[in-house]
All heavy atoms as atom14 arrays in JSON, in Angstrom:
{
  "sequence": "KLKYLFPTVQNYKAEKSILGRSVEIDGMARVDD",
  "atom14_mask": [
    [1, 1, 1, 1, 1, 1, 1, 1, 1, 0, 0, 0, 0, 0],
    [1, 1, 1, 1, 1, 1, 1, 1, 0, 0, 0, 0, 0, 0],
    [1, 1, 1, 1, 1, 1, 1, 1, 1, 0, 0, 0, 0, 0],
    [1, 1, 1, 1, 1, 1, 1, 1, 1, 1, 1, 1, 0, 0],
    [1, 1, 1, 1, 1, 1, 1, 1, 0, 0, 0, 0, 0, 0],
    [1, 1, 1, 1, 1, 1, 1, 1, 1, 1, 1, 0, 0, 0],
    [1, 1, 1, 1, 1, 1, 1, 0, 0, 0, 0, 0, 0, 0],
    [1, 1, 1, 1, 1, 1, 1, 0, 0, 0, 0, 0, 0, 0],
    [1, 1, 1, 1, 1, 1, 1, 0, 0, 0, 0, 0, 0, 0],
    [1, 1, 1, 1, 1, 1, 1, 1, 1, 0, 0, 0, 0, 0],
    [1, 1, 1, 1, 1, 1, 1, 1, 0, 0, 0, 0, 0, 0],
    [1, 1, 1, 1, 1, 1, 1, 1, 1, 1, 1, 1, 0, 0],
    [1, 1, 1, 1, 1, 1, 1, 1, 1, 0, 0, 0, 0, 0],
    [1, 1, 1, 1, 1, 0, 0, 0, 0, 0, 0, 0, 0, 0],
    [1, 1, 1, 1, 1, 1, 1, 1, 1, 0, 0, 0, 0, 0],
    [1, 1, 1, 1, 1, 1, 1, 1, 1, 0, 0, 0, 0, 0],
    [1, 1, 1, 1, 1, 1, 0, 0, 0, 0, 0, 0, 0, 0],
    [1, 1, 1, 1, 1, 1, 1, 1, 0, 0, 0, 0, 0, 0],
    [1, 1, 1, 1, 1, 1, 1, 1, 0, 0, 0, 0, 0, 0],
    [1, 1, 1, 1, 0, 0, 0, 0, 0, 0, 0, 0, 0, 0],
    [1, 1, 1, 1, 1, 1, 1, 1, 1, 1, 1, 0, 0, 0],
    [1, 1, 1, 1, 1, 1, 0, 0, 0, 0, 0, 0, 0, 0],
    [1, 1, 1, 1, 1, 1, 1, 0, 0, 0, 0, 0, 0, 0],
    [1, 1, 1, 1, 1, 1, 1, 1, 1, 0, 0, 0, 0, 0],
    [1, 1, 1, 1, 1, 1, 1, 1, 0, 0, 0, 0, 0, 0],
    [1, 1, 1, 1, 1, 1, 1, 1, 0, 0, 0, 0, 0, 0],
    [1, 1, 1, 1, 0, 0, 0, 0, 0, 0, 0, 0, 0, 0],
    [1, 1, 1, 1, 1, 1, 1, 1, 0, 0, 0, 0, 0, 0],
    [1, 1, 1, 1, 1, 0, 0, 0, 0, 0, 0, 0, 0, 0],
    [1, 1, 1, 1, 1, 1, 1, 1, 1, 1, 1, 0, 0, 0],
    [1, 1, 1, 1, 1, 1, 1, 0, 0, 0, 0, 0, 0, 0],
    [1, 1, 1, 1, 1, 1, 1, 1, 0, 0, 0, 0, 0, 0],
    [1, 1, 1, 1, 1, 1, 1, 1, 0, 0, 0, 0, 0, 0]
  ],
  "atom14_positions": [
    [[0.8, -1.22, 0.0], [0.0, 0.0, 0.0], [0.84, 1.28, 0.0], [0.28, 2.38, 0.06], [-0.96, -0.01, 1.2], [-2.0, -1.12, 1.12], [-3.0, -1.05, 2.27], [-4.06, -2.14, 2.13], [-5.06, -2.07, 3.22], [0.0, 0.0, 0.0], [0.0, 0.0, 0.0], [0.0, 0.0, 0.0], [0.0, 0.0, 0.0], [0.0, 0.0, 0.0]],
    [[2.18, 1.14, -0.02], [3.03, 2.3, -0.25], [3.32, 2.37, -1.74], [3.07, 1.43, -2.49], [4.33, 2.16, 0.56], [4.18, 2.04, 2.08], [5.56, 1.96, 2.73], [3.39, 3.18, 2.65], [0.0, 0.0, 0.0], [0.0, 0.0, 0.0], [0.0, 0.0, 0.0], [0.0, 0.0, 0.0], [0.0, 0.0, 0.0], [0.0, 0.0, 0.0]],
    [[3.86, 3.46, -2.18], [4.11, 3.64, -3.62], [5.18, 2.69, -4.13], [5.21, 2.35, -5.32], [4.49, 5.09, -3.9], [3.33, 6.06, -3.64], [3.74, 7.5, -3.91], [2.56, 8.44, -3.65], [2.92, 9.86, -3.88], [0.0, 0.0, 0.0], [0.0, 0.0, 0.0], [0.0, 0.0, 0.0], [0.0, 0.0, 0.0], [0.0, 0.0, 0.0]],
    [[6.06, 2.27, -3.24], [7.13, 1.34, -3.6], [7.29, 0.36, -2.45], [6.89, 0.64, -1.32], [8.45, 2.08, -3.85], [8.36, 3.08, -4.97], [7.98, 4.4, -4.73], [8.63, 2.71, -6.29], [7.86, 5.32, -5.76], [8.53, 3.62, -7.33], [8.13, 4.93, -7.06], [8.02, 5.83, -8.08], [0.0, 0.0, 0.0], [0.0, 0.0, 0.0]],
    [[7.9, -0.8, -2.73], [8.18, -1.77, -1.68], [9.53, -1.42, -1.07], [10.58, -1.65, -1.67], [8.19, -3.18, -2.25], [8.34, -4.32, -1.21], [7.17, -4.31, -0.24], [8.46, -5.66, -1.9], [0.0, 0.0, 0.0], [0.0, 0.0, 0.0], [0.0, 0.0, 0.0], [0.0, 0.0, 0.0], [0.0, 0.0, 0.0], [0.0, 0.0, 0.0]],
    [[9.49, -0.83, 0.11], [10.7, -0.37, 0.77], [11.26, -1.43, 1.71], [10.52, -2.3, 2.18], [10.41, 0.9, 1.58], [10.18, 2.12, 0.74], [8.9, 2.51, 0.37], [11.25, 2.91, 0.33], [8.68, 3.64, -0.39], [11.04, 4.05, -0.44], [9.76, 4.42, -0.8], [0.0, 0.0, 0.0], [0.0, 0.0, 0.0], [0.0, 0.0, 0.0]],
    [[12.56, -1.36, 2.03], [13.08, -2.19, 3.13], [12.54, -1.68, 4.45], [11.77, -0.7, 4.5], [14.6, -1.98, 3.02], [14.76, -0.66, 2.33], [13.58, -0.54, 1.4], [0.0, 0.0, 0.0], [0.0, 0.0, 0.0], [0.0, 0.0, 0.0], [0.0, 0.0, 0.0], [0.0, 0.0, 0.0], [0.0, 0.0, 0.0], [0.0, 0.0, 0.0]],
    [[12.92, -2.3, 5.55], [12.42, -1.92, 6.88], [12.7, -0.45, 7.18], [13.8, 0.05, 6.96], [13.06, -2.79, 7.96], [12.79, -4.16, 7.67], [12.51, -2.46, 9.33], [0.0, 0.0, 0.0], [0.0, 0.0, 0.0], [0.0, 0.0, 0.0], [0.0, 0.0, 0.0], [0.0, 0.0, 0.0], [0.0, 0.0, 0.0], [0.0, 0.0, 0.0]],
    [[11.69, 0.24, 7.68], [11.85, 1.65, 8.06], [12.63, 1.74, 9.36], [12.29, 1.07, 10.35], [10.47, 2.31, 8.22], [10.62, 3.77, 8.66], [9.68, 2.23, 6.92], [0.0, 0.0, 0.0], [0.0, 0.0, 0.0], [0.0, 0.0, 0.0], [0.0, 0.0, 0.0], [0.0, 0.0, 0.0], [0.0, 0.0, 0.0], [0.0, 0.0, 0.0]],
    [[13.68, 2.55, 9.37], [14.53, 2.68, 10.55], [14.78, 4.14, 10.89], [14.73, 5.01, 10.02], [15.87, 1.97, 10.31], [15.74, 0.46, 10.1], [17.09, -0.2, 9.86], [17.98, 0.39, 9.28], [17.22, -1.43, 10.3], [0.0, 0.0, 0.0], [0.0, 0.0, 0.0], [0.0, 0.0, 0.0], [0.0, 0.0, 0.0], [0.0, 0.0, 0.0]],
    [[15.08, 4.38, 12.15], [15.47, 5.7, 12.61], [16.8, 6.1, 11.98], [17.66, 5.26, 11.73], [15.58, 5.68, 14.14], [16.04, 7.0, 14.71], [17.23, 7.2, 14.91], [15.11, 7.89, 14.96], [0.0, 0.0, 0.0], [0.0, 0.0, 0.0], [0.0, 0.0, 0.0], [0.0, 0.0, 0.0], [0.0, 0.0, 0.0], [0.0, 0.0, 0.0]],
    [[16.96, 7.39, 11.69], [18.22, 7.88, 11.1], [18.74, 9.03, 11.95], [18.02, 9.98, 12.27], [17.99, 8.35, 9.67], [19.25, 8.85, 8.99], [20.08, 7.99, 8.29], [19.62, 10.19, 9.09], [21.25, 8.44, 7.69], [20.78, 10.65, 8.49], [21.59, 9.77, 7.79], [22.74, 10.22, 7.21], [0.0, 0.0, 0.0], [0.0, 0.0, 0.0]],
    [[20.04, 8.94, 12.31], [20.68, 9.98, 13.09], [21.99, 10.4, 12.44], [22.75, 9.55, 11.98], [21.01, 9.49, 14.52], [19.79, 9.21, 15.38], [20.25, 8.77, 16.76], [19.08, 8.47, 17.68], [19.53, 8.1, 19.03], [0.0, 0.0, 0.0], [0.0, 0.0, 0.0], [0.0, 0.0, 0.0], [0.0, 0.0, 0.0], [0.0, 0.0, 0.0]],
    [[22.24, 11.7, 12.42], [23.52, 12.24, 11.97], [23.94, 13.33, 12.95], [23.25, 14.34, 13.09], [23.42, 12.8, 10.56], [0.0, 0.0, 0.0], [0.0, 0.0, 0.0], [0.0, 0.0, 0.0], [0.0, 0.0, 0.0], [0.0, 0.0, 0.0], [0.0, 0.0, 0.0], [0.0, 0.0, 0.0], [0.0, 0.0, 0.0], [0.0, 0.0, 0.0]],
    [[25.03, 13.09, 13.67], [25.48, 14.03, 14.69], [26.05, 15.3, 14.07], [25.87, 16.4, 14.58], [26.53, 13.36, 15.59], [26.02, 12.12, 16.33], [24.88, 12.44, 17.28], [24.8, 13.57, 17.76], [24.06, 11.53, 17.53], [0.0, 0.0, 0.0], [0.0, 0.0, 0.0], [0.0, 0.0, 0.0], [0.0, 0.0, 0.0], [0.0, 0.0, 0.0]],
    [[26.74, 15.18, 12.96], [27.28, 16.33, 12.25], [26.85, 16.21, 10.8], [27.15, 15.23, 10.13], [28.8, 16.36, 12.34], [29.33, 16.61, 13.74], [30.85, 16.64, 13.74], [31.4, 16.88, 15.15], [32.88, 16.88, 15.17], [0.0, 0.0, 0.0], [0.0, 0.0, 0.0], [0.0, 0.0, 0.0], [0.0, 0.0, 0.0], [0.0, 0.0, 0.0]],
    [[26.12, 17.2, 10.32], [25.62, 17.14, 8.96], [26.0, 18.39, 8.19], [26.52, 19.36, 8.76], [24.08, 17.01, 8.97], [23.49, 18.24, 9.34], [0.0, 0.0, 0.0], [0.0, 0.0, 0.0], [0.0, 0.0, 0.0], [0.0, 0.0, 0.0], [0.0, 0.0, 0.0], [0.0, 0.0, 0.0], [0.0, 0.0, 0.0], [0.0, 0.0, 0.0]],
    [[25.73, 18.39, 6.91], [26.05, 19.54, 6.06], [25.19, 20.75, 6.42], [25.48, 21.88, 5.98], [25.87, 19.19, 4.57], [24.42, 18.76, 4.29], [26.85, 18.12, 4.13], [24.13, 18.53, 2.82], [0.0, 0.0, 0.0], [0.0, 0.0, 0.0], [0.0, 0.0, 0.0], [0.0, 0.0, 0.0], [0.0, 0.0, 0.0], [0.0, 0.0, 0.0]],
    [[24.16, 20.55, 7.23], [23.3, 21.66, 7.66], [23.9, 22.42, 8.83], [23.35, 23.44, 9.26], [21.92, 21.13, 8.04], [21.13, 20.42, 6.93], [19.82, 19.88, 7.48], [20.86, 21.36, 5.77], [0.0, 0.0, 0.0], [0.0, 0.0, 0.0], [0.0, 0.0, 0.0], [0.0, 0.0, 0.0], [0.0, 0.0, 0.0], [0.0, 0.0, 0.0]],
    [[25.0, 21.9, 9.37], [25.62, 22.53, 10.53], [24.91, 22.22, 11.82], [25.12, 22.89, 12.84], [0.0, 0.0, 0.0], [0.0, 0.0, 0.0], [0.0, 0.0, 0.0], [0.0, 0.0, 0.0], [0.0, 0.0, 0.0], [0.0, 0.0, 0.0], [0.0, 0.0, 0.0], [0.0, 0.0, 0.0], [0.0, 0.0, 0.0], [0.0, 0.0, 0.0]],
    [[24.06, 21.23, 11.81], [23.35, 20.79, 13.02], [23.14, 19.29, 12.96], [23.3, 18.67, 11.91], [21.99, 21.5, 13.14], [21.01, 21.18, 12.0], [19.63, 21.77, 12.29], [18.7, 21.65, 11.17], [17.95, 20.57, 10.92], [18.05, 19.5, 11.7], [17.11, 20.55, 9.89], [0.0, 0.0, 0.0], [0.0, 0.0, 0.0], [0.0, 0.0, 0.0]],
    [[22.79, 18.73, 14.11], [22.47, 17.3, 14.13], [21.11, 17.1, 13.48], [20.25, 17.99, 13.51], [22.46, 16.77, 15.56], [21.45, 17.41, 16.32], [0.0, 0.0, 0.0], [0.0, 0.0, 0.0], [0.0, 0.0, 0.0], [0.0, 0.0, 0.0], [0.0, 0.0, 0.0], [0.0, 0.0, 0.0], [0.0, 0.0, 0.0], [0.0, 0.0, 0.0]],
    [[20.94, 15.93, 12.89], [19.69, 15.59, 12.21], [19.2, 14.26, 12.75], [19.97, 13.31, 12.85], [19.89, 15.49, 10.69], [18.66, 14.87, 10.02], [20.17, 16.87, 10.08], [0.0, 0.0, 0.0], [0.0, 0.0, 0.0], [0.0, 0.0, 0.0], [0.0, 0.0, 0.0], [0.0, 0.0, 0.0], [0.0, 0.0, 0.0], [0.0, 0.0, 0.0]],
    [[17.94, 14.21, 13.14], [17.34, 12.95, 13.54], [15.99, 12.82, 12.84], [15.12, 13.69, 13.0], [17.16, 12.84, 15.05], [16.58, 11.5, 15.47], [16.71, 11.21, 16.96], [17.31, 12.02, 17.67], [16.22, 10.15, 17.38], [0.0, 0.0, 0.0], [0.0, 0.0, 0.0], [0.0, 0.0, 0.0], [0.0, 0.0, 0.0], [0.0, 0.0, 0.0]],
    [[15.87, 11.79, 12.04], [14.63, 11.53, 11.3], [13.98, 10.28, 11.89], [14.63, 9.25, 12.05], [14.93, 11.35, 9.8], [15.5, 12.67, 9.22], [13.68, 10.95, 9.03], [15.95, 12.58, 7.78], [0.0, 0.0, 0.0], [0.0, 0.0, 0.0], [0.0, 0.0, 0.0], [0.0, 0.0, 0.0], [0.0, 0.0, 0.0], [0.0, 0.0, 0.0]],
    [[12.69, 10.4, 12.22], [12.01, 9.31, 12.92], [12.02, 8.01, 12.14], [12.08, 6.92, 12.71], [10.56, 9.71, 13.23], [10.49, 10.86, 14.24], [11.46, 11.04, 14.99], [9.46, 11.56, 14.26], [0.0, 0.0, 0.0], [0.0, 0.0, 0.0], [0.0, 0.0, 0.0], [0.0, 0.0, 0.0], [0.0, 0.0, 0.0], [0.0, 0.0, 0.0]],
    [[11.93, 8.1, 10.83], [11.95, 6.89, 10.0], [12.45, 7.2, 8.61], [12.16, 8.26, 8.05], [0.0, 0.0, 0.0], [0.0, 0.0, 0.0], [0.0, 0.0, 0.0], [0.0, 0.0, 0.0], [0.0, 0.0, 0.0], [0.0, 0.0, 0.0], [0.0, 0.0, 0.0], [0.0, 0.0, 0.0], [0.0, 0.0, 0.0], [0.0, 0.0, 0.0]],
    [[13.24, 6.28, 8.08], [13.8, 6.47, 6.74], [14.02, 5.12, 6.1], [14.4, 4.15, 6.76], [15.13, 7.23, 6.84], [15.72, 7.65, 5.5], [16.78, 6.37, 4.75], [18.19, 6.39, 5.82], [0.0, 0.0, 0.0], [0.0, 0.0, 0.0], [0.0, 0.0, 0.0], [0.0, 0.0, 0.0], [0.0, 0.0, 0.0], [0.0, 0.0, 0.0]],
    [[13.72, 5.04, 4.81], [14.0, 3.83, 4.03], [14.25, 4.26, 2.59], [13.67, 5.24, 2.11], [12.84, 2.84, 4.11], [0.0, 0.0, 0.0], [0.0, 0.0, 0.0], [0.0, 0.0, 0.0], [0.0, 0.0, 0.0], [0.0, 0.0, 0.0], [0.0, 0.0, 0.0], [0.0, 0.0, 0.0], [0.0, 0.0, 0.0], [0.0, 0.0, 0.0]],
    [[15.11, 3.51, 1.91], [15.46, 3.86, 0.53], [15.48, 2.61, -0.34], [15.96, 1.55, 0.08], [16.82, 4.54, 0.48], [17.31, 4.84, -0.94], [18.68, 5.48, -0.94], [19.19, 5.62, -2.3], [20.37, 6.16, -2.62], [21.16, 6.62, -1.67], [20.73, 6.22, -3.89], [0.0, 0.0, 0.0], [0.0, 0.0, 0.0], [0.0, 0.0, 0.0]],
    [[14.92, 2.73, -1.53], [15.04, 1.69, -2.53], [15.28, 2.39, -3.87], [14.51, 3.27, -4.27], [13.78, 0.78, -2.58], [12.52, 1.58, -2.85], [13.95, -0.31, -3.62], [0.0, 0.0, 0.0], [0.0, 0.0, 0.0], [0.0, 0.0, 0.0], [0.0, 0.0, 0.0], [0.0, 0.0, 0.0], [0.0, 0.0, 0.0], [0.0, 0.0, 0.0]],
    [[16.38, 2.04, -4.53], [16.78, 2.7, -5.78], [16.84, 4.21, -5.56], [17.54, 4.65, -4.66], [15.83, 2.32, -6.92], [15.81, 0.81, -7.17], [16.89, 0.19, -7.0], [14.76, 0.26, -7.52], [0.0, 0.0, 0.0], [0.0, 0.0, 0.0], [0.0, 0.0, 0.0], [0.0, 0.0, 0.0], [0.0, 0.0, 0.0], [0.0, 0.0, 0.0]],
    [[16.07, 4.98, -6.33], [16.1, 6.43, -6.19], [14.9, 6.96, -5.41], [14.58, 8.16, -5.47], [16.13, 7.1, -7.57], [17.48, 6.95, -8.25], [18.48, 6.72, -7.54], [17.54, 7.03, -9.5], [0.0, 0.0, 0.0], [0.0, 0.0, 0.0], [0.0, 0.0, 0.0], [0.0, 0.0, 0.0], [0.0, 0.0, 0.0], [0.0, 0.0, 0.0]]
  ]
}
């Protein structure tokens, strides 16, 4: 029922990012593009 069949959704954390701040995303999954 999602637009694509994604792998398991997981939390994503980056302590130092290109934004100059930490980034925490509640859920993230990627398949191809």
